[in-house]
């Protein structure tokens, strides 16, 4: 009896299978991004999928801890958790295993993360990230490097019409310091700002009744979006040192971004509060036209390594691979999906020629598939086309001279007969391998 496609073989909610073509596209995205990271001097690190929950939770905010998948270690009885974020793992590793390494430390990763959350645009409960962490450099050059690498990553994927929204967590913190209100009210302000809800923001500012200049600055936050003009407007509104330092820092980062030639890809948004509790300074999100969710994001998190006993500045960013694939589809970016370079069809009973050719060509680095099923030549060639094979080598047909093979280029149909012994002796004389 055939399995019921709607029954017990269904995947759990939030899980996804990448079929061969999808897997090839996913791998292409990951390799392109890793190529950007290594070109900037970042070295790959691989972290475990699970660790002890109490260790991971040191670097994980409470809200994200609640979304972790947890299980009990049979051996120790301790609570384990699947990683919900790679950055705390890398922070712990740097604080313990790499703390004596010369700084700055540049690390890159390609990995999956797990979050018990409602699936979102292009994201499941298990999803894939490609990112970097730059540890030990507090200067604005580090933040500008993150932004420049993100733009380079977007371009490496063939994406156009994108924008990075760049903010600074300390700007709002300086304003909240002046209010000196309770934490709940501060949360309400953050929520209103995240929604760009001007009416709710006005109501809350009215209820809090801060000093006039503070209220004016808070009400202006949703509109403090732009480039140098946004920095100038913000500078006229604030009077506290914390917010002023944030503006100076952001201004310097933006100056460096201009030197990189990327100013047109960046918008400054001083009312942006996403990740407010996570980031300690400059932070950003990357958006692509046609996709209603960020494709990449990151920022400075200077406080995290201190949770593991090692005070050290750090910044980083990550691409969401699933969303990158969606964005590429939206913008019509195609990924070349190659099949085997050679597909060998052998009609001889002993199969000596097929096995010898396969081994010889593979030894030279070529991909080779064989048609082991007995069927007609045209049917075998049709199968080779379905595999996206580049060329077919036919052996043992009555219409081919003894000791020869027929090489057929599937692109244009060109065919030629070649001596098998000569091909085995010097394949590069006949094929570009």
Protein backbone atom coordinates (compact mmCIF):
# COMPACT_ATOMS: atom_id res chain seq x y z
CA UNK A 1 0.00 0.00 0.00
CA UNK A 2 1.41 3.42 -0.95
CA UNK A 3 2.07 5.91 1.87
CA UNK A 4 -0.54 8.52 2.61
CA UNK A 5 0.97 11.91 1.63
CA UNK A 6 -1.24 13.65 4.17
CA UNK A 7 -0.65 11.21 7.01
CA UNK A 8 2.23 10.30 9.29
CA UNK A 9 4.99 11.20 6.79
CA UNK A 10 4.33 14.92 7.07
CA UNK A 11 7.11 17.16 8.38
CA UNK A 12 6.63 18.93 11.71
CA UNK A 13 5.65 22.57 11.50
CA UNK A 14 8.57 24.83 10.76
CA UNK A 15 10.74 22.17 9.07
CA UNK A 16 11.81 22.27 5.42
CA UNK A 17 13.36 19.86 2.94
CA UNK A 18 15.68 21.24 0.28
CA UNK A 19 15.29 19.07 -2.81
CA UNK A 20 18.34 18.70 -5.11
CA UNK A 21 17.86 21.89 -7.16
CA UNK A 22 16.94 23.89 -4.04
CA UNK A 23 19.91 22.43 -2.19
CA UNK A 24 22.20 23.43 -5.07
CA UNK A 25 20.88 27.00 -4.95
CA UNK A 26 21.28 27.10 -1.17
CA UNK A 27 24.85 25.84 -1.41
CA UNK A 28 25.62 28.41 -4.11
CA UNK A 29 24.41 31.22 -1.85
CA UNK A 30 26.46 29.94 1.08
CA UNK A 31 29.61 29.55 -1.01
CA UNK A 32 29.25 33.02 -2.52
CA UNK A 33 28.86 34.58 0.93
CA UNK A 34 31.71 32.57 2.44
CA UNK A 35 33.83 33.72 -0.50
CA UNK A 36 33.15 37.33 0.48
CA UNK A 37 33.97 36.62 4.11
CA UNK A 38 37.27 34.89 3.35
CA UNK A 39 38.23 37.67 0.94
CA UNK A 40 38.00 40.06 3.91
CA UNK A 41 40.26 37.85 6.03
CA UNK A 42 37.66 35.93 8.05
CA UNK A 43 38.27 32.31 9.05
CA UNK A 44 35.48 29.78 9.31
CA UNK A 45 34.47 28.35 12.68
CA UNK A 46 32.05 25.46 13.29
CA UNK A 47 30.07 25.39 16.52
CA UNK A 48 28.01 22.51 18.01
CA UNK A 49 24.27 22.32 17.34
CA UNK A 50 23.53 21.93 21.05
CA UNK A 51 25.13 22.94 24.32
CA UNK A 52 24.15 23.13 27.98
CA UNK A 53 21.25 25.52 28.34
CA UNK A 54 22.69 27.37 31.33
CA UNK A 55 25.88 28.10 29.37
CA UNK A 56 24.09 29.31 26.24
CA UNK A 57 21.66 31.37 28.30
CA UNK A 58 24.52 33.51 29.65
CA UNK A 59 24.76 35.17 26.25
CA UNK A 60 21.11 34.85 25.22
CA UNK A 61 18.37 37.32 26.08
CA UNK A 62 15.40 36.01 28.05
CA UNK A 63 13.00 36.45 25.14
CA UNK A 64 15.15 34.25 22.90
CA UNK A 65 15.75 31.72 25.70
CA UNK A 66 12.01 31.08 25.69
CA UNK A 67 12.20 30.16 21.99
CA UNK A 68 14.98 27.60 22.43
CA UNK A 69 14.38 23.91 21.84
CA UNK A 70 15.37 22.18 25.06
CA UNK A 71 16.10 18.56 25.94
CA UNK A 72 17.61 16.63 28.82
CA UNK A 73 21.09 15.11 28.62
CA UNK A 74 20.61 11.42 29.51
CA UNK A 75 24.13 11.12 30.88
CA UNK A 76 24.32 14.13 33.18
CA UNK A 77 20.66 15.05 33.62
CA UNK A 78 21.51 18.63 32.71
CA UNK A 79 19.30 20.66 30.42
CA UNK A 80 20.56 21.01 26.85
CA UNK A 81 19.41 23.47 24.17
CA UNK A 82 19.72 23.67 20.42
CA UNK A 83 21.44 26.89 19.44
CA UNK A 84 19.01 29.71 18.69
CA UNK A 85 21.79 32.18 17.89
CA UNK A 86 25.40 31.58 16.86
CA UNK A 87 26.84 34.78 18.33
CA UNK A 88 26.66 33.71 22.02
CA UNK A 89 28.48 30.50 21.13
CA UNK A 90 31.26 32.40 19.38
CA UNK A 91 31.44 34.91 22.24
CA UNK A 92 31.94 32.04 24.71
CA UNK A 93 34.55 30.39 22.47
CA UNK A 94 36.52 33.63 22.12
CA UNK A 95 36.27 34.29 25.88
CA UNK A 96 37.58 30.81 26.73
CA UNK A 97 39.48 29.17 23.87
CA UNK A 98 40.68 32.17 21.84
CA UNK A 99 41.22 34.88 24.45
CA UNK A 100 45.00 34.72 23.99
CA UNK A 101 44.76 35.08 20.21
CA UNK A 102 46.02 38.41 18.80
CA UNK A 103 43.20 40.85 18.25
CA UNK A 104 41.13 41.60 16.31
CA UNK A 105 39.74 38.12 15.72
CA UNK A 106 37.78 37.64 12.50
CA UNK A 107 35.52 34.58 12.39
CA UNK A 108 32.95 33.41 9.82
CA UNK A 109 30.27 30.72 9.94
CA UNK A 110 27.71 28.85 7.85
CA UNK A 111 25.24 27.07 10.08
CA UNK A 112 21.67 26.27 11.06
CA UNK A 113 19.84 27.67 14.07
CA UNK A 114 16.65 26.57 15.79
CA UNK A 115 13.89 28.73 17.23
CA UNK A 116 10.48 27.70 18.47
CA UNK A 117 8.59 30.50 16.78
CA UNK A 118 5.86 30.98 14.22
CA UNK A 119 7.39 30.53 10.74
CA UNK A 120 7.97 33.86 9.01
CA UNK A 121 8.69 35.05 5.48
CA UNK A 122 11.38 32.73 4.14
CA UNK A 123 12.21 31.45 7.62
CA UNK A 124 11.34 28.21 9.39
CA UNK A 125 11.94 26.91 12.90
CA UNK A 126 15.21 25.55 11.60
CA UNK A 127 16.88 28.08 9.33
CA UNK A 128 20.32 28.79 7.95
CA UNK A 129 22.67 31.70 8.49
CA UNK A 130 25.93 32.89 6.98
CA UNK A 131 27.71 35.50 9.02
CA UNK A 132 30.81 36.92 10.66
CA UNK A 133 31.98 38.16 14.03
CA UNK A 134 34.71 40.79 14.44
CA UNK A 135 36.03 40.69 18.00
CA UNK A 136 38.42 43.08 19.71
CA UNK A 137 37.95 46.21 17.62
CA UNK A 138 35.89 49.07 19.05
CA UNK A 139 36.68 51.66 16.40
CA UNK A 140 34.10 52.88 13.87
CA UNK A 141 36.14 51.15 11.15
CA UNK A 142 34.79 47.84 12.47
CA UNK A 143 31.16 48.93 12.11
CA UNK A 144 31.85 50.31 8.63
CA UNK A 145 33.48 47.01 7.70
CA UNK A 146 30.31 45.13 8.66
CA UNK A 147 28.18 47.41 6.51
CA UNK A 148 30.57 47.23 3.55
CA UNK A 149 30.75 43.43 3.73
CA UNK A 150 26.97 43.18 3.83
CA UNK A 151 26.67 45.28 0.69
CA UNK A 152 29.36 43.18 -0.99
CA UNK A 153 27.48 40.04 0.02
CA UNK A 154 24.25 41.35 -1.51
CA UNK A 155 26.07 42.14 -4.73
CA UNK A 156 27.78 38.74 -4.75
CA UNK A 157 24.31 37.17 -4.79
CA UNK A 158 23.38 39.22 -7.84
CA UNK A 159 20.88 41.33 -5.91
CA UNK A 160 20.03 44.91 -6.80
CA UNK A 161 17.67 47.55 -5.39
CA UNK A 162 18.61 47.04 -1.76
CA UNK A 163 19.01 49.34 1.22
CA UNK A 164 20.64 49.15 4.64
CA UNK A 165 18.83 50.88 7.50
CA UNK A 166 21.46 51.94 10.03
CA UNK A 167 20.70 53.10 13.56
CA UNK A 168 22.43 53.52 16.93
CA UNK A 169 21.05 52.01 20.14
CA UNK A 170 22.75 54.57 22.38
CA UNK A 171 20.90 57.51 20.87
CA UNK A 172 17.54 56.40 22.29
CA UNK A 173 19.13 55.22 25.53
CA UNK A 174 20.40 58.73 26.14
CA UNK A 175 16.86 60.09 25.78
CA UNK A 176 15.43 57.42 28.07
CA UNK A 177 18.05 58.32 30.70
CA UNK A 178 16.64 61.84 30.77
CA UNK A 179 13.09 60.58 31.33
CA UNK A 180 14.05 58.39 34.29
CA UNK A 181 10.72 56.59 33.97
CA UNK A 182 9.98 52.98 34.82
CA UNK A 183 11.06 50.11 32.58
CA UNK A 184 7.52 49.27 31.52
CA UNK A 185 6.99 52.75 30.09
CA UNK A 186 10.33 52.53 28.27
CA UNK A 187 9.13 49.26 26.73
CA UNK A 188 5.94 50.92 25.57
CA UNK A 189 7.96 53.68 23.94
CA UNK A 190 10.14 51.12 22.16
CA UNK A 191 7.06 49.23 20.95
CA UNK A 192 5.49 52.41 19.57
CA UNK A 193 8.74 53.31 17.81
CA UNK A 194 9.13 49.83 16.33
CA UNK A 195 5.64 50.20 14.81
CA UNK A 196 6.37 53.79 13.73
CA UNK A 197 3.12 54.55 15.58
CA UNK A 198 3.18 58.33 15.91
CA UNK A 199 -0.15 58.58 17.76
CA UNK A 200 0.84 56.04 20.44
CA UNK A 201 4.19 57.75 20.78
CA UNK A 202 2.53 61.14 21.26
CA UNK A 203 0.20 59.70 23.90
CA UNK A 204 3.07 58.15 25.86
CA UNK A 205 5.20 61.28 25.70
CA UNK A 206 2.21 63.27 26.93
CA UNK A 207 1.70 60.93 29.87
CA UNK A 208 5.40 60.92 30.79
CA UNK A 209 5.65 64.72 30.48
CA UNK A 210 9.46 64.88 30.12
CA UNK A 211 11.43 68.08 29.71
CA UNK A 212 10.33 69.94 26.59
CA UNK A 213 13.52 69.25 24.60
CA UNK A 214 13.34 65.52 25.44
CA UNK A 215 9.70 65.28 24.42
CA UNK A 216 10.48 67.06 21.16
CA UNK A 217 13.32 64.63 20.43
CA UNK A 218 11.18 61.56 21.21
CA UNK A 219 8.34 62.78 18.99
CA UNK A 220 10.81 63.46 16.17
CA UNK A 221 12.38 59.98 16.25
CA UNK A 222 10.16 58.33 13.59
CA UNK A 223 11.10 61.10 11.15
CA UNK A 224 14.85 61.12 11.89
CA UNK A 225 15.54 59.16 8.74
CA UNK A 226 17.94 60.18 5.98
CA UNK A 227 21.65 60.76 5.63
CA UNK A 228 23.68 63.77 6.76
CA UNK A 229 20.44 65.71 7.10
CA UNK A 230 19.15 63.20 9.69
CA UNK A 231 22.35 63.55 11.71
CA UNK A 232 22.09 67.35 11.61
CA UNK A 233 18.43 67.35 12.72
CA UNK A 234 19.16 64.89 15.52
CA UNK A 235 22.12 66.98 16.69
CA UNK A 236 19.89 70.02 17.14
CA UNK A 237 17.43 68.05 19.29
CA UNK A 238 19.58 66.33 21.94
CA UNK A 239 21.33 67.76 24.98
CA UNK A 240 22.64 64.66 26.78
CA UNK A 241 26.17 63.35 26.40
CA UNK A 242 25.15 59.75 25.71
CA UNK A 243 23.05 60.61 22.67
CA UNK A 244 25.66 63.10 21.46
CA UNK A 245 28.37 60.42 21.59
CA UNK A 246 26.09 58.11 19.63
CA UNK A 247 25.65 60.75 16.93
CA UNK A 248 29.40 61.36 16.75
CA UNK A 249 30.02 57.63 16.40
CA UNK A 250 27.32 57.16 13.78
CA UNK A 251 28.57 60.20 11.86
CA UNK A 252 32.07 58.73 11.70
CA UNK A 253 30.77 55.34 10.58
CA UNK A 254 28.75 57.04 7.85
CA UNK A 255 31.83 59.02 6.77
CA UNK A 256 33.73 55.75 6.33
CA UNK A 257 30.79 54.25 4.43
CA UNK A 258 31.01 57.19 2.03
CA UNK A 259 34.72 56.47 1.53
CA UNK A 260 33.77 52.89 0.63
CA UNK A 261 31.48 54.43 -1.99
CA UNK A 262 28.37 52.92 -0.43
CA UNK A 263 26.50 55.98 0.84
CA UNK A 264 23.71 55.50 -1.68
CA UNK A 265 22.97 52.05 -0.22
CA UNK A 266 22.64 53.30 3.36
CA UNK A 267 19.84 55.17 5.13
CA UNK A 268 20.29 56.39 8.70
CA UNK A 269 17.30 55.75 10.96
CA UNK A 270 17.67 57.04 14.52
CA UNK A 271 14.20 55.82 15.45
CA UNK A 272 15.04 52.20 14.62
CA UNK A 273 14.76 50.10 17.81
CA UNK A 274 14.86 46.50 16.57
CA UNK A 275 17.37 44.58 18.66
CA UNK A 276 17.48 47.44 21.17
CA UNK A 277 18.24 45.12 24.11
CA UNK A 278 20.84 43.18 22.12
CA UNK A 279 22.95 45.84 20.47
CA UNK A 280 25.25 48.30 22.22
CA UNK A 281 25.94 50.71 19.38
CA UNK A 282 25.60 50.85 15.60
CA UNK A 283 23.16 48.28 14.20
CA UNK A 284 21.58 47.72 10.81
CA UNK A 285 19.12 45.70 8.72
CA UNK A 286 19.36 45.01 4.98
CA UNK A 287 16.22 45.09 2.84
CA UNK A 288 15.72 44.10 -0.78
CA UNK A 289 12.98 45.45 -3.03
CA UNK A 290 10.24 42.86 -3.40
CA UNK A 291 10.75 41.15 -0.03
CA UNK A 292 8.95 42.38 3.06
CA UNK A 293 11.51 41.17 5.58
CA UNK A 294 15.17 41.90 6.23
CA UNK A 295 17.63 39.63 4.43
CA UNK A 296 20.59 40.41 6.72
CA UNK A 297 21.27 42.29 9.91
CA UNK A 298 23.84 42.92 12.57
CA UNK A 299 25.55 45.40 14.78
CA UNK A 300 27.73 46.01 17.80
CA UNK A 301 27.31 43.92 20.96
CA UNK A 302 30.16 45.03 23.22
CA UNK A 303 28.54 43.67 26.38
CA UNK A 304 28.22 40.01 25.38
CA UNK A 305 31.75 38.70 25.90
CA UNK A 306 31.70 40.23 29.38
CA UNK A 307 28.93 37.77 30.29
CA UNK A 308 31.53 35.04 29.80
CA UNK A 309 34.16 36.81 31.91
CA UNK A 310 36.05 38.55 29.11
CA UNK A 311 35.38 42.25 28.53
CA UNK A 312 35.98 42.83 24.85
CA UNK A 313 34.25 44.84 22.09
CA UNK A 314 32.63 42.96 19.22
CA UNK A 315 30.43 43.40 16.21
CA UNK A 316 29.02 41.15 13.51
CA UNK A 317 26.21 40.40 11.08
CA UNK A 318 24.45 37.47 9.46
CA UNK A 319 22.56 36.72 6.26
CA UNK A 320 19.37 34.69 6.41
CA UNK A 321 20.02 32.16 3.62
CA UNK A 322 16.35 31.26 3.11
CA UNK A 323 15.38 34.89 2.69
CA UNK A 324 18.34 35.46 0.38
CA UNK A 325 16.98 32.71 -1.86
CA UNK A 326 13.53 34.32 -1.83
CA UNK A 327 14.99 37.72 -2.66
CA UNK A 328 16.94 36.27 -5.56
CA UNK A 329 13.79 34.62 -6.88
CA UNK A 330 11.88 37.90 -6.54
CA UNK A 331 14.54 39.79 -8.48
CA UNK A 332 14.97 37.07 -11.11
CA UNK A 333 18.51 36.08 -10.13
CA UNK A 334 19.22 32.65 -11.57
CA UNK A 335 21.73 30.17 -10.20
CA UNK A 336 23.57 27.95 -12.70
CA UNK A 337 22.56 24.37 -11.92
CA UNK A 338 25.16 22.09 -13.46
CA UNK A 339 24.83 18.35 -13.92
CA UNK A 340 27.63 15.85 -14.52
CA UNK A 341 30.24 16.79 -17.12
CA UNK A 342 30.11 13.29 -18.59
CA UNK A 343 27.31 10.74 -18.85
CA UNK A 344 28.52 7.33 -20.03
CA UNK A 345 26.22 4.93 -21.87
CA UNK A 346 27.86 1.51 -22.34
CA UNK A 347 26.13 -1.26 -24.32
CA UNK A 348 28.92 -3.80 -23.81
CA UNK A 349 28.25 -6.70 -21.42
CA UNK A 350 31.63 -6.54 -19.64
CA UNK A 351 31.45 -2.74 -18.86
CA UNK A 352 35.25 -2.45 -18.97
CA UNK A 353 35.25 0.69 -21.09
CA UNK A 354 32.63 2.47 -18.97
CA UNK A 355 34.40 1.76 -15.69
CA UNK A 356 37.83 2.65 -17.08
CA UNK A 357 36.61 5.93 -18.59
CA UNK A 358 34.72 6.85 -15.41
CA UNK A 359 37.73 6.32 -13.20
CA UNK A 360 40.15 8.12 -15.54
CA UNK A 361 37.94 11.19 -15.91
CA UNK A 362 37.11 11.35 -12.18
CA UNK A 363 40.83 11.17 -11.37
CA UNK A 364 41.17 14.41 -13.34
CA UNK A 365 38.41 16.06 -11.30
CA UNK A 366 35.52 15.65 -13.73
CA UNK A 367 32.05 14.62 -12.58
CA UNK A 368 30.92 11.41 -14.28
CA UNK A 369 27.62 9.53 -14.10
CA UNK A 370 26.82 6.20 -15.75
CA UNK A 371 23.60 4.85 -17.17
CA UNK A 372 23.37 1.44 -15.57
CA UNK A 373 19.77 0.75 -16.58
CA UNK A 374 19.39 -1.07 -19.91
CA UNK A 375 17.31 1.02 -22.29
CA UNK A 376 17.36 2.55 -25.75
CA UNK A 377 19.94 5.16 -26.72
CA UNK A 378 17.45 8.00 -27.14
CA UNK A 379 15.86 7.22 -23.79
CA UNK A 380 19.30 7.25 -22.14
CA UNK A 381 20.16 10.57 -23.79
CA UNK A 382 16.84 11.98 -22.59
CA UNK A 383 17.75 10.91 -19.06
CA UNK A 384 21.16 12.60 -19.46
CA UNK A 385 19.45 15.83 -20.48
CA UNK A 386 17.20 15.61 -17.42
CA UNK A 387 20.36 15.37 -15.31
CA UNK A 388 21.74 18.48 -17.08
CA UNK A 389 24.73 16.45 -18.27
CA UNK A 390 27.12 18.37 -20.47
CA UNK A 391 28.05 15.52 -22.83
CA UNK A 392 27.36 11.85 -23.44
CA UNK A 393 29.93 9.16 -24.17
CA UNK A 394 28.42 6.14 -25.95
CA UNK A 395 30.30 2.82 -26.07
CA UNK A 396 29.44 -0.56 -27.62
CA UNK A 397 26.86 0.40 -30.23
CA UNK A 398 26.93 -1.53 -33.55
CA UNK A 399 27.17 1.75 -35.48
CA UNK A 400 30.35 2.77 -33.61
CA UNK A 401 33.71 1.40 -34.75
CA UNK A 402 35.25 -1.22 -32.45
CA UNK A 403 37.48 0.29 -29.79
CA UNK A 404 35.88 3.70 -30.25
CA UNK A 405 33.31 5.82 -28.43
CA UNK A 406 30.90 8.48 -29.64
CA UNK A 407 31.05 11.80 -27.78
CA UNK A 408 27.87 13.88 -28.09
CA UNK A 409 27.73 17.48 -26.86
CA UNK A 410 24.21 17.90 -25.48
CA UNK A 411 24.26 21.65 -25.94
CA UNK A 412 24.54 21.72 -29.73
CA UNK A 413 24.30 18.02 -30.60
CA UNK A 414 27.78 17.88 -32.13
CA UNK A 415 29.14 14.32 -32.24
CA UNK A 416 32.53 12.77 -32.93
CA UNK A 417 34.06 9.31 -32.73
CA UNK A 418 37.22 8.89 -30.67
CA UNK A 419 39.52 5.93 -29.92
CA UNK A 420 38.89 4.76 -26.35
CA UNK A 421 42.56 3.94 -25.71
CA UNK A 422 43.64 7.44 -26.78
CA UNK A 423 41.02 9.06 -24.56
CA UNK A 424 42.16 6.97 -21.60
CA UNK A 425 45.78 7.91 -22.26
CA UNK A 426 45.23 11.67 -22.63
CA UNK A 427 41.66 12.83 -21.91
CA UNK A 428 42.68 16.51 -21.97
CA UNK A 429 43.55 16.15 -25.65
CA UNK A 430 39.87 15.63 -26.41
CA UNK A 431 37.97 17.26 -23.55
CA UNK A 432 38.45 20.33 -21.36
CA UNK A 433 39.12 18.47 -18.10
